[in-house]
PDB file of N, CA and C in Angstrom:
ATOM      1  N   MET A   1      -0.051  -9.685  -1.451  1.00  0.00           N
ATOM      2  CA  MET A   1      -0.326  -8.861  -2.880  1.00  0.00           C
ATOM      3  C   MET A   1      -0.417  -9.620  -4.054  1.00  0.00           C
ATOM      4  N   ALA A   2      -1.451  -8.721  -5.363  1.00  0.00           N
ATOM      5  CA  ALA A   2      -2.142  -8.955  -6.150  1.00  0.00           C
ATOM      6  C   ALA A   2      -1.120  -8.084  -7.073  1.00  0.00           C
ATOM      7  N   LEU A   3      -1.632  -8.815  -8.500  1.00  0.00           N
ATOM      8  CA  LEU A   3      -1.239  -8.054  -9.637  1.00  0.00           C
ATOM      9  C   LEU A   3      -2.488  -7.499 -10.420  1.00  0.00           C
ATOM     10  N   THR A   4      -2.533  -6.614 -10.564  1.00  0.00           N
ATOM     11  CA  THR A   4      -3.314  -6.067 -11.528  1.00  0.00           C
ATOM     12  C   THR A   4      -2.851  -5.947 -13.435  1.00  0.00           C
ATOM     13  N   GLY A   5      -3.555  -5.516 -13.620  1.00  0.00           N
ATOM     14  CA  GLY A   5      -2.908  -5.139 -15.702  1.00  0.00           C
ATOM     15  C   GLY A   5      -2.756  -3.365 -15.315  1.00  0.00           C
ATOM     16  N   GLY A   6      -1.649  -3.221 -16.339  1.00  0.00           N
ATOM     17  CA  GLY A   6      -1.203  -2.076 -16.463  1.00  0.00           C
ATOM     18  C   GLY A   6      -2.555  -0.518 -16.877  1.00  0.00           C
ATOM     19  N   ASN A   7      -3.818  -1.049 -16.761  1.00  0.00           N
ATOM     20  CA  ASN A   7      -4.079  -0.596 -17.349  1.00  0.00           C
ATOM     21  C   ASN A   7      -5.506  -0.676 -16.849  1.00  0.00           C
ATOM     22  N   ARG A   8      -5.530  -0.935 -15.590  1.00  0.00           N
ATOM     23  CA  ARG A   8      -6.512  -0.654 -14.142  1.00  0.00           C
ATOM     24  C   ARG A   8      -6.222  -0.274 -13.115  1.00  0.00           C
ATOM     25  N   HIS A   9      -7.578   0.470 -13.024  1.00  0.00           N
ATOM     26  CA  HIS A   9      -7.386   1.230 -11.451  1.00  0.00           C
ATOM     27  C   HIS A   9      -7.154   0.591 -10.080  1.00  0.00           C
ATOM     28  N   ASP A  10      -5.948   1.420  -9.496  1.00  0.00           N
ATOM     29  CA  ASP A  10      -5.541   0.206  -8.688  1.00  0.00           C
ATOM     30  C   ASP A  10      -6.904   0.339  -7.244  1.00  0.00           C
ATOM     31  N   VAL A  11      -7.968   1.219  -7.187  1.00  0.00           N
ATOM     32  CA  VAL A  11      -9.241   0.830  -6.709  1.00  0.00           C
ATOM     33  C   VAL A  11     -10.067  -0.164  -6.537  1.00  0.00           C
ATOM     34  N   THR A  12      -9.572  -0.842  -7.641  1.00  0.00           N
ATOM     35  CA  THR A  12     -10.584  -2.188  -8.116  1.00  0.00           C
ATOM     36  C   THR A  12      -9.733  -3.298  -7.157  1.00  0.00           C
ATOM     37  N   GLN A  13      -9.027  -3.288  -6.572  1.00  0.00           N
ATOM     38  CA  GLN A  13      -8.009  -3.984  -5.418  1.00  0.00           C
ATOM     39  C   GLN A  13      -8.411  -3.411  -3.928  1.00  0.00           C
ATOM     40  N   LEU A  14      -8.977  -2.257  -3.882  1.00  0.00           N
ATOM     41  CA  LEU A  14      -8.849  -1.410  -2.477  1.00  0.00           C
ATOM     42  C   LEU A  14      -9.298  -2.574  -1.644  1.00  0.00           C
ATOM     43  N   LEU A  15     -10.993  -3.069  -1.972  1.00  0.00           N
ATOM     44  CA  LEU A  15     -11.673  -4.037  -0.342  1.00  0.00           C
ATOM     45  C   LEU A  15     -10.963  -5.656  -0.873  1.00  0.00           C
ATOM     46  N   PRO A  16     -10.501  -5.877  -1.599  1.00  0.00           N
ATOM     47  CA  PRO A  16      -9.742  -7.330  -1.412  1.00  0.00           C
ATOM     48  C   PRO A  16      -8.564  -7.179  -0.708  1.00  0.00           C
ATOM     49  N   LEU A  17      -8.156  -6.224  -0.414  1.00  0.00           N
ATOM     50  CA  LEU A  17      -6.627  -5.903   0.181  1.00  0.00           C
ATOM     51  C   LEU A  17      -7.033  -5.339   1.475  1.00  0.00           C
ATOM     52  N   ILE A  18      -7.647  -4.990   2.315  1.00  0.00           N
ATOM     53  CA  ILE A  18      -8.434  -5.057   3.322  1.00  0.00           C
ATOM     54  C   ILE A  18      -8.603  -5.961   3.558  1.00  0.00           C
ATOM     55  N   ASP A  19      -9.419  -6.927   2.981  1.00  0.00           N
ATOM     56  CA  ASP A  19      -9.698  -8.513   3.015  1.00  0.00           C
ATOM     57  C   ASP A  19      -8.920  -9.292   3.710  1.00  0.00           C
ATOM     58  N   LYS A  20      -7.350  -9.292   3.252  1.00  0.00           N
ATOM     59  CA  LYS A  20      -6.103 -10.135   3.084  1.00  0.00           C
ATOM     60  C   LYS A  20      -4.965  -9.066   4.215  1.00  0.00           C
ATOM     61  N   VAL A  21      -5.922  -8.236   5.016  1.00  0.00           N
ATOM     62  CA  VAL A  21      -4.492  -7.485   5.863  1.00  0.00           C
ATOM     63  C   VAL A  21      -4.474  -8.894   7.675  1.00  0.00           C
ATOM     64  N   PRO A  22      -3.777  -9.042   7.422  1.00  0.00           N
ATOM     65  CA  PRO A  22      -3.033 -10.521   8.936  1.00  0.00           C
ATOM     66  C   PRO A  22      -3.842  -9.054  10.458  1.00  0.00           C
ATOM     67  N   PRO A  23      -4.355 -10.461  11.261  1.00  0.00           N
ATOM     68  CA  PRO A  23      -4.085 -10.572  12.290  1.00  0.00           C
ATOM     69  C   PRO A  23      -3.389  -9.162  13.078  1.00  0.00           C
ATOM     70  N   VAL A  24      -3.451  -7.891  13.668  1.00  0.00           N
ATOM     71  CA  VAL A  24      -2.379  -6.770  14.170  1.00  0.00           C
ATOM     72  C   VAL A  24      -2.732  -7.617  15.617  1.00  0.00           C
ATOM     73  N   ARG A  25      -1.200  -7.330  15.740  1.00  0.00           N
ATOM     74  CA  ARG A  25      -0.674  -7.567  17.272  1.00  0.00           C
ATOM     75  C   ARG A  25      -0.885  -6.367  18.047  1.00  0.00           C
ATOM     76  N   GLY A  26      -0.974  -6.538  19.182  1.00  0.00           N
ATOM     77  CA  GLY A  26      -0.810  -5.505  19.961  1.00  0.00           C
ATOM     78  C   GLY A  26      -1.685  -5.515  21.284  1.00  0.00           C
ATOM     79  N   ARG A  27      -2.286  -5.647  21.892  1.00  0.00           N
ATOM     80  CA  ARG A  27      -2.780  -5.868  23.525  1.00  0.00           C
ATOM     81  C   ARG A  27      -3.224  -7.405  23.287  1.00  0.00           C
ATOM     82  N   ARG A  28      -3.905  -7.121  24.978  1.00  0.00           N
ATOM     83  CA  ARG A  28      -3.818  -8.522  25.162  1.00  0.00           C
ATOM     84  C   ARG A  28      -5.794  -8.471  24.940  1.00  0.00           C
ATOM     85  N   GLY A  29      -5.523  -9.892  24.452  1.00  0.00           N
ATOM     86  CA  GLY A  29      -6.893 -10.473  23.712  1.00  0.00           C
ATOM     87  C   GLY A  29      -6.923 -10.972  22.318  1.00  0.00           C
ATOM     88  N   ARG A  30      -7.998 -10.721  21.800  1.00  0.00           N
ATOM     89  CA  ARG A  30      -7.843 -11.762  20.772  1.00  0.00           C
ATOM     90  C   ARG A  30      -7.145 -10.598  19.354  1.00  0.00           C
ATOM     91  N   PRO A  31      -6.300 -10.614  18.534  1.00  0.00           N
ATOM     92  CA  PRO A  31      -5.459 -10.023  17.897  1.00  0.00           C
ATOM     93  C   PRO A  31      -7.015  -9.137  16.518  1.00  0.00           C
ATOM     94  N   ARG A  32      -6.535  -7.539  16.483  1.00  0.00           N
ATOM     95  CA  ARG A  32      -7.357  -7.208  15.401  1.00  0.00           C
ATOM     96  C   ARG A  32      -7.297  -7.137  14.208  1.00  0.00           C
ATOM     97  N   ARG A  33      -8.770  -7.921  13.688  1.00  0.00           N
ATOM     98  CA  ARG A  33      -8.505  -8.056  12.485  1.00  0.00           C
ATOM     99  C   ARG A  33      -8.203  -6.785  11.586  1.00  0.00           C
ATOM    100  N   ARG A  34      -8.331  -5.739  11.492  1.00  0.00           N
ATOM    101  CA  ARG A  34      -8.283  -5.045  10.443  1.00  0.00           C
ATOM    102  C   ARG A  34      -8.088  -3.758  11.104  1.00  0.00           C
ATOM    103  N   PRO A  35      -7.493  -2.558  10.359  1.00  0.00           N
ATOM    104  CA  PRO A  35      -6.678  -1.567  11.574  1.00  0.00           C
ATOM    105  C   PRO A  35      -8.172  -0.127  11.115  1.00  0.00           C
ATOM    106  N   ASP A  36      -7.659   0.555  11.792  1.00  0.00           N
ATOM    107  CA  ASP A  36      -8.738   1.766  12.766  1.00  0.00           C
ATOM    108  C   ASP A  36      -8.639   2.768  11.825  1.00  0.00           C
ATOM    109  N   GLU A  37      -8.145   2.896  10.816  1.00  0.00           N
ATOM    110  CA  GLU A  37      -8.200   4.040   9.611  1.00  0.00           C
ATOM    111  C   GLU A  37      -7.288   2.930   8.810  1.00  0.00           C
ATOM    112  N   LEU A  38      -7.792   3.939   7.583  1.00  0.00           N
ATOM    113  CA  LEU A  38      -7.526   3.693   5.997  1.00  0.00           C
ATOM    114  C   LEU A  38      -6.695   5.175   5.483  1.00  0.00           C
ATOM    115  N   TYR A  39      -5.698   5.519   5.083  1.00  0.00           N
ATOM    116  CA  TYR A  39      -5.198   6.785   4.624  1.00  0.00           C
ATOM    117  C   TYR A  39      -5.347   6.167   3.011  1.00  0.00           C
ATOM    118  N   ALA A  40      -5.659   7.175   2.469  1.00  0.00           N
ATOM    119  CA  ALA A  40      -5.651   7.610   1.077  1.00  0.00           C
ATOM    120  C   ALA A  40      -5.242   8.788   0.202  1.00  0.00           C
ATOM    121  N   ASP A  41      -5.448   7.929  -1.305  1.00  0.00           N
ATOM    122  CA  ASP A  41      -4.788   9.786  -1.665  1.00  0.00           C
ATOM    123  C   ASP A  41      -6.310   9.964  -2.802  1.00  0.00           C
ATOM    124  N   ARG A  42      -6.485  11.006  -3.237  1.00  0.00           N
ATOM    125  CA  ARG A  42      -7.941  11.521  -4.048  1.00  0.00           C
ATOM    126  C   ARG A  42      -8.257  10.303  -5.091  1.00  0.00           C
ATOM    127  N   ALA A  43      -7.458   9.629  -5.673  1.00  0.00           N
ATOM    128  CA  ALA A  43      -7.565   9.113  -6.839  1.00  0.00           C
ATOM    129  C   ALA A  43      -9.066   7.824  -5.946  1.00  0.00           C
ATOM    130  N   TYR A  44      -8.557   7.171  -4.456  1.00  0.00           N
ATOM    131  CA  TYR A  44      -9.919   6.291  -4.095  1.00  0.00           C
ATOM    132  C   TYR A  44     -11.434   7.741  -3.954  1.00  0.00           C
ATOM    133  N   ASP A  45     -11.437   8.613  -3.882  1.00  0.00           N
ATOM    134  CA  ASP A  45     -12.143   9.700  -3.363  1.00  0.00           C
ATOM    135  C   ASP A  45     -13.267   9.500  -4.459  1.00  0.00           C
ATOM    136  N   HIS A  46     -14.809   8.402  -3.498  1.00  0.00           N
ATOM    137  CA  HIS A  46     -15.684   8.372  -4.273  1.00  0.00           C
ATOM    138  C   HIS A  46     -16.991   7.510  -3.563  1.00  0.00           C
ATOM    139  N   ASP A  47     -17.583   7.970  -2.804  1.00  0.00           N
ATOM    140  CA  ASP A  47     -18.453   8.049  -2.395  1.00  0.00           C
ATOM    141  C   ASP A  47     -18.816   6.309  -1.838  1.00  0.00           C
ATOM    142  N   LYS A  48     -18.698   5.738  -2.815  1.00  0.00           N
ATOM    143  CA  LYS A  48     -19.118   3.922  -3.202  1.00  0.00           C
ATOM    144  C   LYS A  48     -17.977   3.400  -2.102  1.00  0.00           C
ATOM    145  N   TYR A  49     -16.817   3.860  -2.166  1.00  0.00           N
ATOM    146  CA  TYR A  49     -15.688   3.629  -1.265  1.00  0.00           C
ATOM    147  C   TYR A  49     -15.983   3.437  -0.189  1.00  0.00           C
ATOM    148  N   ARG A  50     -16.155   4.641   0.386  1.00  0.00           N
ATOM    149  CA  ARG A  50     -16.293   5.420   1.171  1.00  0.00           C
ATOM    150  C   ARG A  50     -17.077   4.245   2.355  1.00  0.00           C
ATOM    151  N   LYS A  51     -18.531   4.057   1.722  1.00  0.00           N
ATOM    152  CA  LYS A  51     -19.010   3.370   2.891  1.00  0.00           C
ATOM    153  C   LYS A  51     -18.741   2.050   2.597  1.00  0.00           C
ATOM    154  N   ALA A  52     -18.133   1.339   1.792  1.00  0.00           N
ATOM    155  CA  ALA A  52     -18.032   0.095   1.859  1.00  0.00           C
ATOM    156  C   ALA A  52     -16.809   0.000   3.345  1.00  0.00           C
ATOM    157  N   VAL A  53     -15.924   0.989   3.054  1.00  0.00           N
ATOM    158  CA  VAL A  53     -14.542   1.006   4.360  1.00  0.00           C
ATOM    159  C   VAL A  53     -15.076   1.175   5.711  1.00  0.00           C
ATOM    160  N   ARG A  54     -16.339   2.167   5.831  1.00  0.00           N
ATOM    161  CA  ARG A  54     -17.114   1.826   6.383  1.00  0.00           C
ATOM    162  C   ARG A  54     -17.888   1.284   7.060  1.00  0.00           C
ATOM    163  N   ALA A  55     -18.518   0.391   6.363  1.00  0.00           N
ATOM    164  CA  ALA A  55     -18.895  -1.577   6.569  1.00  0.00           C
ATOM    165  C   ALA A  55     -18.159  -1.948   7.506  1.00  0.00           C
ATOM    166  N   LYS A  56     -16.987  -2.216   6.940  1.00  0.00           N
ATOM    167  CA  LYS A  56     -15.906  -2.874   7.580  1.00  0.00           C
ATOM    168  C   LYS A  56     -15.374  -2.575   9.059  1.00  0.00           C
ATOM    169  N   GLY A  57     -16.044  -1.385   8.791  1.00  0.00           N
ATOM    170  CA  GLY A  57     -15.544  -0.709  10.998  1.00  0.00           C
ATOM    171  C   GLY A  57     -14.218  -0.113  10.305  1.00  0.00           C
ATOM    172  N   ILE A  58     -13.931   0.302   9.367  1.00  0.00           N
ATOM    173  CA  ILE A  58     -12.694   0.664  10.013  1.00  0.00           C
ATOM    174  C   ILE A  58     -12.729   2.911   9.012  1.00  0.00           C
ATOM    175  N   ARG A  59     -12.546   3.366   9.895  1.00  0.00           N
ATOM    176  CA  ARG A  59     -12.398   5.159   9.589  1.00  0.00           C
ATOM    177  C   ARG A  59     -11.599   5.400   8.272  1.00  0.00           C
ATOM    178  N   PRO A  60     -12.334   6.333   6.966  1.00  0.00           N
ATOM    179  CA  PRO A  60     -11.289   6.452   5.967  1.00  0.00           C
ATOM    180  C   PRO A  60     -11.075   7.710   6.397  1.00  0.00           C
ATOM    181  N   ARG A  61      -9.447   7.514   6.047  1.00  0.00           N
ATOM    182  CA  ARG A  61      -8.954   9.243   5.870  1.00  0.00           C
ATOM    183  C   ARG A  61      -8.493   8.826   4.040  1.00  0.00           C
ATOM    184  N   ILE A  62      -9.612   9.346   3.185  1.00  0.00           N
ATOM    185  CA  ILE A  62      -9.558   9.739   1.728  1.00  0.00           C
ATOM    186  C   ILE A  62      -9.054  11.094   1.573  1.00  0.00           C
ATOM    187  N   ALA A  63      -8.351  11.623   1.181  1.00  0.00           N
ATOM    188  CA  ALA A  63      -8.626  13.498   0.471  1.00  0.00           C
ATOM    189  C   ALA A  63      -9.455  12.785  -0.564  1.00  0.00           C
ATOM    190  N   ARG A  64     -10.200  14.681  -0.170  1.00  0.00           N
ATOM    191  CA  ARG A  64     -11.273  14.878  -1.029  1.00  0.00           C
ATOM    192  C   ARG A  64     -10.731  15.181  -2.495  1.00  0.00           C
ATOM    193  N   ARG A  65     -11.030  15.208  -4.018  1.00  0.00           N
ATOM    194  CA  ARG A  65     -11.259  15.723  -4.866  1.00  0.00           C
ATOM    195  C   ARG A  65     -11.684  17.536  -4.635  1.00  0.00           C
ATOM    196  N   GLY A  66     -10.273  18.245  -4.851  1.00  0.00           N
ATOM    197  CA  GLY A  66     -10.803  19.920  -5.353  1.00  0.00           C
ATOM    198  C   GLY A  66     -10.988  20.099  -4.141  1.00  0.00           C
ATOM    199  N   GLN A  67     -10.421  19.573  -3.045  1.00  0.00           N
ATOM    200  CA  GLN A  67      -9.772  20.207  -2.036  1.00  0.00           C
ATOM    201  C   GLN A  67      -8.366  21.110  -2.083  1.00  0.00           C
ATOM    202  N   PRO A  68      -8.330  21.786  -1.154  1.00  0.00           N
ATOM    203  CA  PRO A  68      -6.686  22.206  -0.961  1.00  0.00           C
ATOM    204  C   PRO A  68      -6.508  21.004  -0.369  1.00  0.00           C
ATOM    205  N   HIS A  69      -4.207  21.410  -0.989  1.00  0.00           N
ATOM    206  CA  HIS A  69      -3.483  20.378   0.438  1.00  0.00           C
ATOM    207  C   HIS A  69      -3.770  20.888   1.762  1.00  0.00           C
ATOM    208  N   GLY A  70      -2.925  19.799   2.775  1.00  0.00           N
ATOM    209  CA  GLY A  70      -2.866  20.110   3.747  1.00  0.00           C
ATOM    210  C   GLY A  70      -4.253  19.276   4.732  1.00  0.00           C
ATOM    211  N   SER A  71      -3.880  18.258   4.156  1.00  0.00           N
ATOM    212  CA  SER A  71      -4.989  17.286   5.110  1.00  0.00           C
ATOM    213  C   SER A  71      -4.439  16.470   5.983  1.00  0.00           C
ATOM    214  N   GLY A  72      -2.985  16.469   6.004  1.00  0.00           N
ATOM    215  CA  GLY A  72      -2.187  15.951   6.480  1.00  0.00           C
ATOM    216  C   GLY A  72      -1.383  14.660   6.096  1.00  0.00           C
ATOM    217  N   LEU A  73      -2.567  13.963   4.692  1.00  0.00           N
ATOM    218  CA  LEU A  73      -1.877  12.696   4.802  1.00  0.00           C
ATOM    219  C   LEU A  73      -0.586  12.262   3.945  1.00  0.00           C
ATOM    220  N   GLY A  74       0.118  13.996   3.919  1.00  0.00           N
ATOM    221  CA  GLY A  74       1.108  13.307   2.671  1.00  0.00           C
ATOM    222  C   GLY A  74       2.646  12.897   3.855  1.00  0.00           C
ATOM    223  N   VAL A  75       1.787  13.400   5.315  1.00  0.00           N
ATOM    224  CA  VAL A  75       3.434  12.365   5.743  1.00  0.00           C
ATOM    225  C   VAL A  75       2.525  11.840   5.568  1.00  0.00           C
ATOM    226  N   TYR A  76       1.649  10.691   5.525  1.00  0.00           N
ATOM    227  CA  TYR A  76       2.072   9.105   5.394  1.00  0.00           C
ATOM    228  C   TYR A  76       1.828   8.560   4.067  1.00  0.00           C
ATOM    229  N   ARG A  77       1.782   9.182   2.970  1.00  0.00           N
ATOM    230  CA  ARG A  77       2.108   9.089   1.495  1.00  0.00           C
ATOM    231  C   ARG A  77       3.475   9.190   1.562  1.00  0.00           C
ATOM    232  N   TRP A  78       4.724   9.903   2.266  1.00  0.00           N
ATOM    233  CA  TRP A  78       5.312  10.292   1.929  1.00  0.00           C
ATOM    234  C   TRP A  78       6.648   8.521   1.939  1.00  0.00           C
ATOM    235  N   VAL A  79       6.005   7.728   2.892  1.00  0.00           N
ATOM    236  CA  VAL A  79       6.611   6.478   3.226  1.00  0.00           C
ATOM    237  C   VAL A  79       6.296   5.443   2.228  1.00  0.00           C
ATOM    238  N   ILE A  80       5.304   5.743   1.728  1.00  0.00           N
ATOM    239  CA  ILE A  80       5.203   4.889   0.594  1.00  0.00           C
ATOM    240  C   ILE A  80       5.758   5.310  -1.270  1.00  0.00           C
ATOM    241  N   GLU A  81       6.104   6.578  -1.230  1.00  0.00           N
ATOM    242  CA  GLU A  81       6.544   7.211  -2.583  1.00  0.00           C
ATOM    243  C   GLU A  81       7.822   6.849  -1.995  1.00  0.00           C
ATOM    244  N   ARG A  82       8.592   7.044  -0.937  1.00  0.00           N
ATOM    245  CA  ARG A  82       9.869   6.516  -0.419  1.00  0.00           C
ATOM    246  C   ARG A  82      10.012   5.058  -0.847  1.00  0.00           C
ATOM    247  N   THR A  83       9.164   3.608   0.192  1.00  0.00           N
ATOM    248  CA  THR A  83       9.233   2.672  -0.342  1.00  0.00           C
ATOM    249  C   THR A  83       9.191   2.384  -2.168  1.00  0.00           C
ATOM    250  N   ILE A  84       9.110   2.889  -2.976  1.00  0.00           N
ATOM    251  CA  ILE A  84       8.696   3.607  -4.463  1.00  0.00           C
ATOM    252  C   ILE A  84      10.236   3.181  -5.348  1.00  0.00           C
ATOM    253  N   ALA A  85      10.467   4.128  -4.583  1.00  0.00           N
ATOM    254  CA  ALA A  85      12.112   4.723  -4.953  1.00  0.00           C
ATOM    255  C   ALA A  85      12.630   3.895  -4.708  1.00  0.00           C
ATOM    256  N   TRP A  86      12.528   3.307  -3.396  1.00  0.00           N
ATOM    257  CA  TRP A  86      13.701   2.086  -3.415  1.00  0.00           C
ATOM    258  C   TRP A  86      13.632   1.124  -4.239  1.00  0.00           C
ATOM    259  N   TYR A  87      12.223   0.981  -4.670  1.00  0.00           N
ATOM    260  CA  TYR A  87      11.927  -0.322  -5.675  1.00  0.00           C
ATOM    261  C   TYR A  87      13.141   0.017  -6.801  1.00  0.00           C
ATOM    262  N   HIS A  88      12.181   1.610  -6.531  1.00  0.00           N
ATOM    263  CA  HIS A  88      12.606   2.037  -8.300  1.00  0.00           C
ATOM    264  C   HIS A  88      13.886   2.067  -8.742  1.00  0.00           C
ATOM    265  N   GLY A  89      15.039   2.080  -7.632  1.00  0.00           N
ATOM    266  CA  GLY A  89      15.989   1.922  -7.835  1.00  0.00           C
ATOM    267  C   GLY A  89      17.092   1.151  -8.611  1.00  0.00           C
ATOM    268  N   MET A  90      16.541   0.459  -8.064  1.00  0.00           N
ATOM    269  CA  MET A  90      16.432  -1.486  -8.989  1.00  0.00           C
ATOM    270  C   MET A  90      16.097  -0.837 -10.461  1.00  0.00           C
ATOM    271  N   LYS A  91      16.603  -1.072 -11.397  1.00  0.00           N
ATOM    272  CA  LYS A  91      16.644  -0.941 -12.940  1.00  0.00           C
ATOM    273  C   LYS A  91      15.697  -1.757 -13.337  1.00  0.00           C
ATOM    274  N   ARG A  92      15.785  -3.452 -12.856  1.00  0.00           N
ATOM    275  CA  ARG A  92      14.965  -4.161 -13.516  1.00  0.00           C
ATOM    276  C   ARG A  92      13.601  -4.289 -13.185  1.00  0.00           C
ATOM    277  N   LEU A  93      13.059  -3.690 -12.154  1.00  0.00           N
ATOM    278  CA  LEU A  93      11.999  -3.134 -11.112  1.00  0.00           C
ATOM    279  C   LEU A  93      11.275  -2.230 -11.462  1.00  0.00           C
ATOM    280  N   ARG A  94      11.577  -1.231 -12.461  1.00  0.00           N
ATOM    281  CA  ARG A  94      11.468   0.075 -13.174  1.00  0.00           C
ATOM    282  C   ARG A  94      10.392  -0.111 -14.127  1.00  0.00           C
ATOM    283  N   ILE A  95      10.507  -1.068 -14.711  1.00  0.00           N
ATOM    284  CA  ILE A  95       9.436  -1.160 -16.021  1.00  0.00           C
ATOM    285  C   ILE A  95       9.137  -3.111 -15.054  1.00  0.00           C
ATOM    286  N   ARG A  96       7.895  -3.464 -15.458  1.00  0.00           N
ATOM    287  CA  ARG A  96       7.680  -4.764 -15.378  1.00  0.00           C
ATOM    288  C   ARG A  96       8.317  -5.050 -16.525  1.00  0.00           C
ATOM    289  N   TRP A  97       9.239  -6.026 -16.730  1.00  0.00           N
ATOM    290  CA  TRP A  97       9.647  -6.763 -18.356  1.00  0.00           C
ATOM    291  C   TRP A  97       9.192  -8.079 -18.504  1.00  0.00           C
ATOM    292  N   GLU A  98       8.577  -8.565 -16.502  1.00  0.00           N
ATOM    293  CA  GLU A  98       8.185 -10.134 -17.084  1.00  0.00           C
ATOM    294  C   GLU A  98       6.671 -10.645 -16.936  1.00  0.00           C
ATOM    295  N   ARG A  99       6.638 -11.524 -17.936  1.00  0.00           N
ATOM    296  CA  ARG A  99       5.251 -11.601 -17.928  1.00  0.00           C
ATOM    297  C   ARG A  99       5.041 -12.241 -17.032  1.00  0.00           C
ATOM    298  N   ARG A 100       4.936 -12.860 -16.478  1.00  0.00           N
ATOM    299  CA  ARG A 100       4.411 -14.394 -15.351  1.00  0.00           C
ATOM    300  C   ARG A 100       4.178 -13.427 -14.126  1.00  0.00           C
ATOM    301  N   ASP A 101       3.797 -13.216 -13.616  1.00  0.00           N
ATOM    302  CA  ASP A 101       3.754 -11.918 -12.028  1.00  0.00           C
ATOM    303  C   ASP A 101       4.358 -12.860 -11.002  1.00  0.00           C
ATOM    304  N   ASP A 102       4.523 -14.097 -11.419  1.00  0.00           N
ATOM    305  CA  ASP A 102       5.124 -14.893  -9.602  1.00  0.00           C
ATOM    306  C   ASP A 102       6.855 -14.214 -10.237  1.00  0.00           C
ATOM    307  N   ILE A 103       7.358 -14.413 -11.646  1.00  0.00           N
ATOM    308  CA  ILE A 103       8.931 -13.569 -11.756  1.00  0.00           C
ATOM    309  C   ILE A 103       8.687 -12.271 -11.342  1.00  0.00           C
ATOM    310  N   HIS A 104       7.528 -11.674 -11.532  1.00  0.00           N
ATOM    311  CA  HIS A 104       7.754  -9.917 -10.766  1.00  0.00           C
ATOM    312  C   HIS A 104       7.701 -10.044  -9.188  1.00  0.00           C
ATOM    313  N   GLU A 105       7.195 -11.025  -8.909  1.00  0.00           N
ATOM    314  CA  GLU A 105       6.771 -10.878  -7.235  1.00  0.00           C
ATOM    315  C   GLU A 105       8.284 -11.553  -6.134  1.00  0.00           C
ATOM    316  N   ALA A 106       9.316 -12.433  -7.289  1.00  0.00           N
ATOM    317  CA  ALA A 106      10.235 -13.302  -7.125  1.00  0.00           C
ATOM    318  C   ALA A 106      11.087 -11.875  -6.934  1.00  0.00           C
ATOM    319  N   PHE A 107      11.190 -11.374  -7.705  1.00  0.00           N
ATOM    320  CA  PHE A 107      12.119  -9.628  -8.064  1.00  0.00           C
ATOM    321  C   PHE A 107      12.056  -8.647  -7.107  1.00  0.00           C
ATOM    322  N   LEU A 108      10.483  -8.650  -6.272  1.00  0.00           N
ATOM    323  CA  LEU A 108      10.165  -7.672  -5.552  1.00  0.00           C
ATOM    324  C   LEU A 108      10.969  -8.026  -4.185  1.00  0.00           C
ATOM    325  N   ALA A 109      10.109  -9.078  -4.035  1.00  0.00           N
ATOM    326  CA  ALA A 109      10.985 -10.017  -2.802  1.00  0.00           C
ATOM    327  C   ALA A 109      12.449 -10.225  -2.622  1.00  0.00           C
ATOM    328  N   LEU A 110      13.413  -9.788  -3.694  1.00  0.00           N
ATOM    329  CA  LEU A 110      14.810 -10.152  -3.732  1.00  0.00           C
ATOM    330  C   LEU A 110      14.795  -8.350  -3.423  1.00  0.00           C
ATOM    331  N   ALA A 111      14.550  -7.758  -4.440  1.00  0.00           N
ATOM    332  CA  ALA A 111      14.925  -6.020  -3.912  1.00  0.00           C
ATOM    333  C   ALA A 111      14.341  -5.778  -2.275  1.00  0.00           C
ATOM    334  N   THR A 112      13.261  -6.547  -1.584  1.00  0.00           N
ATOM    335  CA  THR A 112      13.180  -5.712  -0.556  1.00  0.00           C
ATOM    336  C   THR A 112      14.484  -6.974   0.712  1.00  0.00           C
ATOM    337  N   CYS A 113      14.648  -7.047   0.126  1.00  0.00           N
ATOM    338  CA  CYS A 113      15.409  -8.823   1.160  1.00  0.00           C
ATOM    339  C   CYS A 113      17.094  -7.101   0.969  1.00  0.00           C
ATOM    340  N   ILE A 114      17.547  -6.752  -0.585  1.00  0.00           N
ATOM    341  CA  ILE A 114      18.605  -6.180  -0.199  1.00  0.00           C
ATOM    342  C   ILE A 114      18.826  -5.003   0.137  1.00  0.00           C
ATOM    343  N   ILE A 115      17.361  -4.206  -0.015  1.00  0.00           N
ATOM    344  CA  ILE A 115      16.776  -2.780   0.892  1.00  0.00           C
ATOM    345  C   ILE A 115      17.334  -2.977   2.034  1.00  0.00           C
ATOM    346  N   THR A 116      16.885  -3.926   2.492  1.00  0.00           N
ATOM    347  CA  THR A 116      16.984  -4.155   4.150  1.00  0.00           C
ATOM    348  C   THR A 116      18.230  -4.430   4.464  1.00  0.00           C
ATOM    349  N   TYR A 117      18.905  -5.431   3.632  1.00  0.00           N
ATOM    350  CA  TYR A 117      19.708  -5.822   3.668  1.00  0.00           C
ATOM    351  C   TYR A 117      21.008  -3.887   4.256  1.00  0.00           C
ATOM    352  N   ARG A 118      20.980  -3.949   3.196  1.00  0.00           N
ATOM    353  CA  ARG A 118      21.845  -2.336   2.950  1.00  0.00           C
ATOM    354  C   ARG A 118      21.221  -1.336   3.985  1.00  0.00           C
ATOM    355  N   HIS A 119      19.694  -1.493   4.462  1.00  0.00           N
ATOM    356  CA  HIS A 119      19.675  -0.432   5.876  1.00  0.00           C
ATOM    357  C   HIS A 119      20.314  -1.093   7.105  1.00  0.00           C
ATOM    358  N   VAL A 120      20.662  -2.518   7.323  1.00  0.00           N
ATOM    359  CA  VAL A 120      20.627  -2.956   8.688  1.00  0.00           C
ATOM    360  C   VAL A 120      22.468  -2.620   8.909  1.00  0.00           C
ATOM    361  N   VAL A 121      22.920  -2.914   7.425  1.00  0.00           N
ATOM    362  CA  VAL A 121      24.517  -2.520   6.957  1.00  0.00           C
ATOM    363  C   VAL A 121      25.229  -1.102   7.851  1.00  0.00           C
ATOM    364  N   ARG A 122      24.013  -0.236   7.396  1.00  0.00           N
ATOM    365  CA  ARG A 122      23.890   1.835   7.386  1.00  0.00           C
ATOM    366  C   ARG A 122      24.117   1.737   9.303  1.00  0.00           C
ATOM    367  N   LEU A 123      23.227   1.179  10.088  1.00  0.00           N
ATOM    368  CA  LEU A 123      22.824   1.000  10.971  1.00  0.00           C
ATOM    369  C   LEU A 123      23.766   0.203  12.042  1.00  0.00           C
ATOM    370  N   CYS A 124      24.273  -0.571  11.382  1.00  0.00           N
ATOM    371  CA  CYS A 124      25.102  -1.979  12.107  1.00  0.00           C
ATOM    372  C   CYS A 124      26.983  -0.894  12.528  1.00  0.00           C
TER     373      CYS A 124
END
């Protein structure tokens, strides 16, 4: 995970994020190093990034600007939005107050543990 300033666009971290993807377990043989597809919203719609993602052997599934909704990407986006809503359930994480990024990451890790614990308790 990488933290950037609040005034920087997320697309600046797209390619470094793809490079940090750990090996994906699955079928026998060598683990895959990259996903097959990349789902993204309209903020990432630029030919420069589409070409860079294709060059890494990943099929970009990026919504186009100016096109009506209905691409089906909302199904995947819901998972991310739901996760962010769980984090915002922790008042401390709604706005980043910590100056040091390691402290903020520690609070994110703690929140992840609490959210997971709550779901496990609910299932058992």
